[in-house]
Structures are given as structure tokens and as C-alpha cells.
Protein backbone atom coordinates (compact mmCIF):
# COMPACT_ATOMS: atom_id res chain seq x y z
CA MET A 1 -62.40 44.47 193.53
CA SER A 2 -60.95 47.76 192.39
CA GLY A 3 -57.65 48.70 194.23
CA VAL A 4 -57.62 45.36 196.15
CA VAL A 5 -54.82 42.81 196.13
CA SER A 6 -54.43 39.62 198.45
CA GLU A 7 -51.49 38.70 200.30
CA GLY A 8 -51.04 36.08 202.79
CA GLY A 9 -54.80 35.58 203.05
CA GLU A 10 -55.35 39.17 204.17
CA VAL A 11 -57.11 41.72 202.01
CA LEU A 12 -54.88 44.71 201.43
CA ARG A 13 -56.17 47.85 199.74
CA ASP A 14 -54.34 50.25 197.76
CA LEU A 15 -56.20 53.13 199.64
CA ALA A 16 -54.21 55.94 197.70
CA GLY A 17 -55.29 54.45 194.41
CA LEU A 18 -58.78 53.19 195.46
CA SER A 19 -61.56 54.81 193.09
CA VAL A 20 -64.63 55.61 195.14
CA PRO A 21 -67.32 56.88 192.70
CA ALA A 22 -69.79 59.48 193.99
CA ALA A 23 -72.53 56.93 193.66
CA GLY A 24 -75.78 57.04 195.60
CA SER A 25 -77.11 60.18 197.24
CA LEU A 26 -78.64 61.73 200.37
CA LEU A 27 -82.07 63.09 199.24
CA GLU A 28 -84.23 65.62 201.06
CA THR A 29 -87.83 64.63 200.92
CA GLY A 30 -89.66 67.65 202.61
CA SER A 31 -91.51 65.30 204.78
CA VAL A 32 -91.43 66.00 208.63
CA LEU A 33 -91.54 62.14 209.35
CA GLU A 34 -88.89 61.22 207.13
CA PRO A 35 -86.79 64.38 206.24
CA TYR A 36 -83.91 62.64 204.38
CA VAL A 37 -83.35 59.24 202.60
CA LEU A 38 -80.20 57.58 201.71
CA ALA A 39 -80.37 56.01 198.18
CA ASP A 40 -78.12 53.63 196.64
CA PRO A 41 -76.76 53.99 193.07
CA ALA A 42 -79.80 52.86 191.44
CA GLY A 43 -81.96 55.19 193.41
CA VAL A 44 -83.52 52.72 195.75
CA PRO A 45 -83.73 53.73 199.52
CA VAL A 46 -81.36 52.01 201.69
CA GLU A 47 -83.62 50.55 204.58
CA ALA A 48 -80.73 50.10 206.92
CA ALA A 49 -80.16 53.71 206.92
CA ALA A 50 -83.86 54.50 206.85
CA ALA A 51 -84.47 52.44 209.94
CA PHE A 52 -81.44 54.28 211.56
CA PHE A 53 -82.81 57.62 210.86
CA ARG A 54 -86.30 56.75 212.23
CA ASP A 55 -84.46 55.85 215.44
CA LEU A 56 -82.65 59.07 215.80
CA LEU A 57 -85.93 60.98 214.99
CA ALA A 58 -87.62 59.13 217.72
CA ALA A 59 -84.97 60.09 220.25
CA GLY A 60 -85.66 63.73 219.49
CA ARG A 61 -82.99 64.42 217.05
CA SER A 62 -83.39 67.20 214.56
CA ALA A 63 -83.60 67.02 210.78
CA ALA A 64 -80.31 68.84 210.55
CA THR A 65 -78.81 65.94 212.60
CA VAL A 66 -80.35 63.39 210.50
CA ARG A 67 -78.70 65.12 207.43
CA SER A 68 -75.41 65.35 209.07
CA TYR A 69 -75.40 61.54 209.99
CA GLY A 70 -76.66 60.75 206.50
CA MET A 71 -73.61 62.27 205.01
CA ASP A 72 -71.23 60.16 207.03
CA LEU A 73 -73.35 57.09 206.13
CA LEU A 74 -73.20 58.07 202.51
CA ARG A 75 -69.31 58.17 202.45
CA TRP A 76 -69.16 54.86 204.12
CA PHE A 77 -71.60 53.25 201.70
CA ARG A 78 -69.79 54.71 198.74
CA PHE A 79 -66.49 53.15 200.26
CA LEU A 80 -68.14 49.92 200.70
CA SER A 81 -69.39 49.69 197.25
CA ALA A 82 -66.07 50.47 195.81
CA ALA A 83 -64.66 47.77 197.92
CA GLY A 84 -67.25 45.35 197.08
CA VAL A 85 -68.35 44.56 200.54
CA PRO A 86 -72.09 44.77 201.65
CA TRP A 87 -72.82 46.90 204.65
CA GLY A 88 -73.86 43.97 206.66
CA GLN A 89 -70.67 42.08 206.20
CA ALA A 90 -68.11 44.88 206.95
CA THR A 91 -65.44 43.98 209.47
CA ARG A 92 -62.97 45.83 211.46
CA ALA A 93 -60.61 45.57 208.20
CA GLU A 94 -62.98 47.69 206.26
CA ALA A 95 -63.60 50.12 209.14
CA ARG A 96 -59.79 50.32 209.60
CA ASP A 97 -59.25 50.89 205.77
CA PHE A 98 -62.20 53.42 205.65
CA SER A 99 -60.55 55.44 208.51
CA ARG A 100 -57.20 55.49 206.65
CA TRP A 101 -58.89 56.29 203.40
CA LEU A 102 -60.39 59.45 204.90
CA GLN A 103 -56.97 60.50 206.25
CA VAL A 104 -55.28 59.88 202.82
CA SER A 105 -57.51 60.69 199.96
CA GLY A 106 -61.05 60.63 201.02
CA LYS A 107 -62.27 64.15 199.94
CA PRO A 108 -63.54 64.44 196.47
CA GLY A 109 -62.83 67.11 193.93
CA GLY A 110 -60.48 68.39 191.41
CA PRO A 111 -57.04 69.69 191.69
CA GLY A 112 -56.52 71.46 194.95
CA ARG A 113 -59.82 70.13 196.38
CA GLY A 114 -59.15 66.60 197.18
CA GLY A 115 -57.26 65.10 199.94
CA PRO A 116 -57.68 64.16 203.61
CA TYR A 117 -60.77 65.02 205.67
CA ALA A 118 -60.16 67.06 208.65
CA ALA A 119 -59.73 65.29 212.13
CA SER A 120 -62.94 66.58 213.20
CA VAL A 121 -64.77 65.15 210.36
CA ARG A 122 -63.28 61.84 210.81
CA ALA A 123 -64.07 61.75 214.34
CA HIS A 124 -67.73 62.54 213.88
CA SER A 125 -67.72 59.92 211.07
CA GLU A 126 -66.51 57.23 213.41
CA THR A 127 -69.05 58.16 216.29
CA VAL A 128 -71.90 58.08 213.76
CA LEU A 129 -70.96 54.57 212.09
CA ARG A 130 -70.35 53.05 215.46
CA GLY A 131 -73.87 54.21 216.52
CA PHE A 132 -75.12 53.01 213.11
CA TYR A 133 -73.87 49.41 213.93
CA ASP A 134 -74.74 49.42 217.45
CA TYR A 135 -78.37 50.18 216.49
CA HIS A 136 -78.43 47.19 214.08
CA LEU A 137 -76.57 45.01 216.54
CA ALA A 138 -79.14 45.46 219.03
CA ALA A 139 -81.99 45.06 216.38
CA GLY A 140 -80.33 41.85 215.23
CA THR A 141 -80.23 43.29 211.68
CA GLY A 142 -76.55 43.80 211.31
CA PRO A 143 -73.30 42.00 211.68
CA ILE A 144 -72.65 40.21 215.18
CA MET A 145 -69.61 42.46 215.61
CA ASN A 146 -69.43 46.19 215.34
CA PRO A 147 -66.74 47.01 212.73
CA PHE A 148 -66.07 50.24 214.53
CA PRO A 149 -65.45 49.01 218.37
CA LEU A 150 -64.36 50.90 221.33
CA ASP A 151 -60.58 51.34 222.26
CA ARG A 152 -60.24 48.81 224.98
CA ALA A 153 -56.79 50.32 225.90
CA ARG A 154 -58.39 53.75 226.48
CA ARG A 155 -61.07 52.31 228.87
CA ALA A 156 -58.99 49.76 230.62
CA GLY A 157 -59.65 49.75 234.46
CA ARG A 158 -62.01 51.80 236.40
CA ALA A 159 -63.10 54.91 234.65
CA ASN A 160 -61.03 58.04 235.68
CA ALA A 161 -59.33 55.87 238.48
CA HIS A 162 -56.33 58.21 238.48
CA HIS A 163 -58.19 61.42 237.80
CA ASN A 164 -56.70 64.75 238.79
CA PRO A 165 -59.59 66.60 240.44
CA MET A 166 -58.11 69.92 239.00
CA ASP A 167 -58.55 68.48 235.30
CA PRO A 168 -61.68 68.05 233.58
CA TYR A 169 -63.17 64.46 233.19
CA ARG A 170 -62.41 62.63 230.03
CA ASP A 171 -64.60 60.49 228.00
CA GLN A 172 -63.57 56.77 228.53
CA ARG A 173 -65.47 55.59 225.59
CA ALA A 174 -63.46 56.61 222.75
CA GLY A 175 -63.69 54.63 219.42
CA LEU A 176 -60.71 52.58 218.30
CA TYR A 177 -60.44 54.47 214.99
CA ARG A 178 -61.40 57.84 216.47
CA PRO A 179 -58.66 60.48 215.92
CA ARG A 180 -57.59 62.56 218.99
CA LEU A 181 -58.60 66.19 218.31
CA PRO A 182 -56.48 68.98 219.44
CA ARG A 183 -57.91 71.37 221.96
CA ARG A 184 -58.97 74.55 220.53
CA VAL A 185 -59.20 78.02 222.22
CA PRO A 186 -62.47 79.45 221.56
CA ARG A 187 -61.96 82.41 219.12
CA SER A 188 -63.86 85.60 219.48
CA ILE A 189 -63.81 88.48 217.04
CA ALA A 190 -61.95 91.61 217.92
CA ASP A 191 -64.09 94.87 218.03
CA GLU A 192 -62.10 96.48 215.14
CA GLN A 193 -62.30 93.27 212.96
CA PHE A 194 -66.10 92.98 213.80
CA ASN A 195 -66.72 96.49 212.73
CA GLU A 196 -64.80 95.93 209.51
CA ILE A 197 -66.83 92.85 208.73
CA PHE A 198 -70.10 94.57 209.59
CA ALA A 199 -69.42 97.42 207.14
CA ARG A 200 -68.92 94.89 204.47
CA LEU A 201 -72.38 93.43 204.88
CA PRO A 202 -74.25 94.35 201.79
CA SER A 203 -78.02 94.40 203.18
CA HIS A 204 -80.18 95.33 206.06
CA ARG A 205 -81.11 91.60 206.23
CA ASP A 206 -77.53 90.57 206.72
CA ARG A 207 -76.72 93.27 209.19
CA ALA A 208 -79.83 92.34 211.19
CA MET A 209 -78.71 88.70 211.19
CA VAL A 210 -75.24 89.43 212.40
CA ALA A 211 -76.45 91.90 215.06
CA PHE A 212 -78.74 89.20 216.42
CA TYR A 213 -76.06 86.51 216.49
CA VAL A 214 -73.66 88.60 218.22
CA SER A 215 -76.11 89.88 220.78
CA THR A 216 -78.13 86.63 221.54
CA GLY A 217 -75.34 84.03 221.13
CA ALA A 218 -77.91 81.75 219.36
CA ARG A 219 -76.53 79.16 217.02
CA ALA A 220 -76.77 79.51 213.22
CA SER A 221 -79.70 77.09 212.81
CA GLU A 222 -81.53 78.59 216.00
CA LEU A 223 -81.73 82.10 214.52
CA LEU A 224 -83.01 80.72 211.16
CA SER A 225 -86.10 79.13 213.29
CA VAL A 226 -87.36 82.63 214.46
CA THR A 227 -90.83 83.22 213.03
CA GLN A 228 -92.29 86.70 212.47
CA GLY A 229 -94.46 86.23 215.60
CA GLY A 230 -91.33 85.27 217.54
CA ALA A 231 -89.74 88.65 217.28
CA ASP A 232 -90.84 90.87 220.00
CA PRO A 233 -89.17 94.43 219.70
CA GLY A 234 -91.18 95.91 222.54
CA ARG A 235 -89.53 93.43 225.02
CA GLN A 236 -86.38 93.00 222.92
CA LEU A 237 -86.85 89.20 222.66
CA ILE A 238 -86.79 86.81 220.07
CA THR A 239 -88.06 83.25 220.25
CA VAL A 240 -85.72 80.43 218.79
CA THR A 241 -85.94 76.63 218.63
CA ARG A 242 -83.16 75.11 220.61
CA LYS A 243 -80.97 72.67 218.69
CA GLY A 244 -81.10 69.29 220.23
CA THR A 245 -84.07 69.77 222.60
CA GLY A 246 -86.39 71.32 220.05
CA GLU A 247 -87.76 73.54 222.74
CA ARG A 248 -88.69 77.11 222.20
CA GLN A 249 -86.84 79.71 224.30
CA GLU A 250 -86.78 83.45 224.43
CA LEU A 251 -83.56 85.26 224.09
CA PRO A 252 -82.80 89.04 224.68
CA ALA A 253 -81.38 90.84 221.74
CA SER A 254 -79.85 94.37 221.30
CA VAL A 255 -81.69 97.41 220.28
CA ASP A 256 -79.42 97.60 217.04
CA ALA A 257 -80.59 94.21 216.04
CA PHE A 258 -84.16 95.22 216.14
CA VAL A 259 -83.54 98.48 214.24
CA TRP A 260 -81.82 96.44 211.47
CA LEU A 261 -84.69 94.14 211.43
CA ARG A 262 -87.17 96.73 210.98
CA LEU A 263 -85.11 98.29 208.09
CA TYR A 264 -85.07 94.77 206.56
CA GLN A 265 -88.88 94.27 206.84
CA ALA A 266 -89.52 97.80 205.45
CA GLU A 267 -87.29 97.32 202.49
CA MET A 268 -89.07 93.80 201.68
CA ALA A 269 -92.56 95.08 202.39
CA GLY A 270 -95.05 93.64 199.88
CA VAL A 271 -92.45 90.88 198.77
CA LEU A 272 -92.10 88.58 201.54
CA PRO A 273 -95.06 86.40 202.77
CA ARG A 274 -96.66 87.76 206.02
CA GLY A 275 -97.93 85.78 209.04
CA ARG A 276 -96.90 85.02 212.55
CA ARG A 277 -95.78 81.51 211.53
CA GLN A 278 -93.83 82.64 208.64
CA PRO A 279 -90.17 82.69 208.79
CA VAL A 280 -88.29 86.05 209.59
CA TRP A 281 -85.32 85.45 207.09
CA TRP A 282 -85.70 84.99 203.40
CA THR A 283 -83.53 84.98 200.39
CA LEU A 284 -83.23 88.48 198.82
CA ARG A 285 -83.39 87.49 195.06
CA PRO A 286 -86.75 86.15 193.57
CA PRO A 287 -88.26 83.76 193.86
CA VAL A 288 -87.94 84.43 197.54
CA ARG A 289 -87.75 81.36 199.70
CA PRO A 290 -86.74 80.75 203.35
CA LEU A 291 -83.07 81.36 204.09
CA THR A 292 -81.02 78.09 204.55
CA TYR A 293 -78.13 77.24 207.10
CA HIS A 294 -75.75 77.02 204.12
CA GLY A 295 -76.98 80.24 202.67
CA VAL A 296 -76.32 82.12 205.82
CA HIS A 297 -72.64 80.55 206.11
CA ARG A 298 -72.04 81.62 202.56
CA MET A 299 -73.21 85.28 203.19
CA PHE A 300 -70.90 85.57 206.26
CA GLU A 301 -68.00 84.03 204.46
CA ARG A 302 -68.36 86.59 201.53
CA ALA A 303 -68.30 89.40 204.17
CA CYS A 304 -65.32 88.19 205.79
CA ALA A 305 -63.43 87.54 202.52
CA ARG A 306 -64.24 91.05 201.59
CA ALA A 307 -62.91 92.32 204.95
CA GLY A 308 -59.89 90.08 204.78
CA SER A 309 -60.85 88.09 207.89
CA SER A 310 -60.69 84.36 208.74
CA ALA A 311 -63.62 84.61 211.00
CA THR A 312 -66.48 82.02 210.83
CA LEU A 313 -70.18 82.27 211.72
CA HIS A 314 -69.52 80.25 214.70
CA SER A 315 -66.95 82.91 215.99
CA LEU A 316 -69.95 85.23 216.43
CA ARG A 317 -71.39 82.93 219.21
CA HIS A 318 -67.99 83.03 220.96
CA THR A 319 -67.91 86.78 220.49
CA ALA A 320 -71.44 87.04 222.04
CA ALA A 321 -70.26 84.83 225.02
CA TYR A 322 -67.14 87.11 225.55
CA ARG A 323 -69.25 90.15 225.48
CA MET A 324 -71.84 88.84 227.76
CA ALA A 325 -69.28 87.59 230.36
CA GLU A 326 -67.61 91.00 230.36
CA ASP A 327 -70.91 92.94 231.15
CA PRO A 328 -71.00 93.45 234.81
CA SER A 329 -74.86 94.01 234.59
CA LEU A 330 -75.43 90.62 233.27
CA PRO A 331 -75.38 87.77 235.79
CA LEU A 332 -73.31 84.59 234.79
CA THR A 333 -76.45 82.47 235.08
CA ASP A 334 -78.17 84.56 232.55
CA VAL A 335 -75.10 84.15 230.07
CA ILE A 336 -75.07 80.43 230.47
CA SER A 337 -79.03 80.23 229.93
CA SER A 338 -78.64 82.17 226.66
CA LEU A 339 -75.78 79.99 225.24
CA ASN A 340 -77.25 76.60 226.44
């Protein structure tokens, strides 16, 4: 096995020098029933991952969730391939080494791009892989022990036995290899900074999207779900598909957002497909196609870079929350409803 030595009967890996090729892939199929497929280096679908994906979809998880979980599985399968260990024979030693590898040198790329993954990525990966093995453990198709166990030290005794009622409750089911994440203060964008970013947006489409984000508090993926029939300027409402539940929900939006939307639609008249079920948001360059989640992120990142700002697209959601909370005419229940 590459980068592996044996000492005293225990397998020790040179994690810093371990070569993990970018073998295998996560493929988008375009199918509603099976949106993503994890393929091995030979291009053959991995049935263990496919079964897990089907279970996620049956539980109401979205295609975006399947993609996110699939990327974590892809990293794990690549690591196991480099270590020479089949997924069904992985032990706590492989889980431990994988967790350390993510901390040391897991991220691929050239000079300045490689290095450790962020703690949030490692925490998400640990949760996904523990769930993957829990699923196969229950189905009888995996190892008899989950390589990613819960930390018994963190769940010893009765849950929240000594809890201070003034403090929030903590999750007692933390994974053994799950990193502790720092508590972050939600960041909103100051009005002056927001105005600078907005002025750097190059198109009516981009201005409309940012205006909707900051007035509705919708998530990035939720705003992309709006169809042409779901935008109602008369009532100043847009209908989004909620992340997680998949339910349709109407959200109030600002007058400015609908003004920019109308300018965008007039500018693209005759270019974009028309129809109540057609998406509202499309790429600007031909051939036009529905705008993607990553396309929106890149759009906002470029505007922020031109404005010299480090704000993120998610910051718009926090900004919307702060603005709603400061509006005396808006009940707190309506704020919570818009953001949930």
C-alpha cells in the first residue's frame, strides 16, 4: 500500500506523504429518481453509495443534499483506494487516519491550493460517513462495527444532566472524530458596504437577484427555484421551494426587487423561454440555460471582489434577518416564518 509501513503489528500511514489520486467521480445524471451516481475509477457505479442515496431521497432529502453527501463519500472512497482497503473492511484505524489526512493535506490542488480542509467540512464529512455506515450496518451490508463511532466520553451519563437552564442544549451525539467548531457570530452587511457591492453588479438580473435575497431572506438554492408563474408583482410575493421540506412557500419581497426583475425580463425578452413553469433565472450568455447554485455564488463573489468586500452570498440572508428584525411594523413571527 502506498505510503504505508507496519510497526508492532499496527498499520501506520505516512499521511503527509500519502498520494490520493483523484480517481472515481460523482456524476450528475439528470434523473429525478437518481440525480447523482458515485462511480469508481473504472466508471462503474458504486452500489453501496447508490443504496444510501436512494435512502436519502426516500426520506425527502433534496438532490443538492445527495450531491453534498456524495462529495464526502467520494473523498472517503478515494482515500480507501489509496490505502488499499475496501469500504466494507474499513475500521476505526482508517476512519482515524482519514480524519487526520483531511486535517493535514487532504485538499487537492497545486501550490497555494492544497492543504487541510476547514473544520466545518471535516465535521460534515464525519457526520455523513457515520450515517453511511449506520445505514449499511442496519441493512446488514456493511462491517459489523461503524468505523466512525460516537464519542462515548461526550455522551457519558444522562444527557444534559448538569445543564444550566440559561444555556442552550448541546448535542450529546457527537462523533468521535468530529472536530469542535468555533461559534460564529452571524455577519450582516453594513448598508454602506451593501450599496458598494450593489453598485458593482453588472446586470439587471444580478441586481434583481440580490434585491430578492436581501428582502426575502431566502436561501441561495430557494431563490433559484422560483418559476415565472411564482413571481407575483401585484401582491409582491414570490413562491420558493423550501430547502429540506421541499414545500412551496410564498415570501414577501421589496418593490425594488420586482422593479429590477421587470427590467431583467424586458432586457431578455425574446431570448429566454416563456412559461409559468419555466425558471425565472437564466444565464446571460448564449446558449441560455437555467442559472445554477454555483453560478450565483460566482456572480456575487466577483461583485464583492470588485467592491473590496469579503461578504458572502449567505451574508445576504443574515442581512435580511437583521433588517426584518429592526422593522417595527414586521411581527417577529413573520420574520421567523420567512427565514424558516
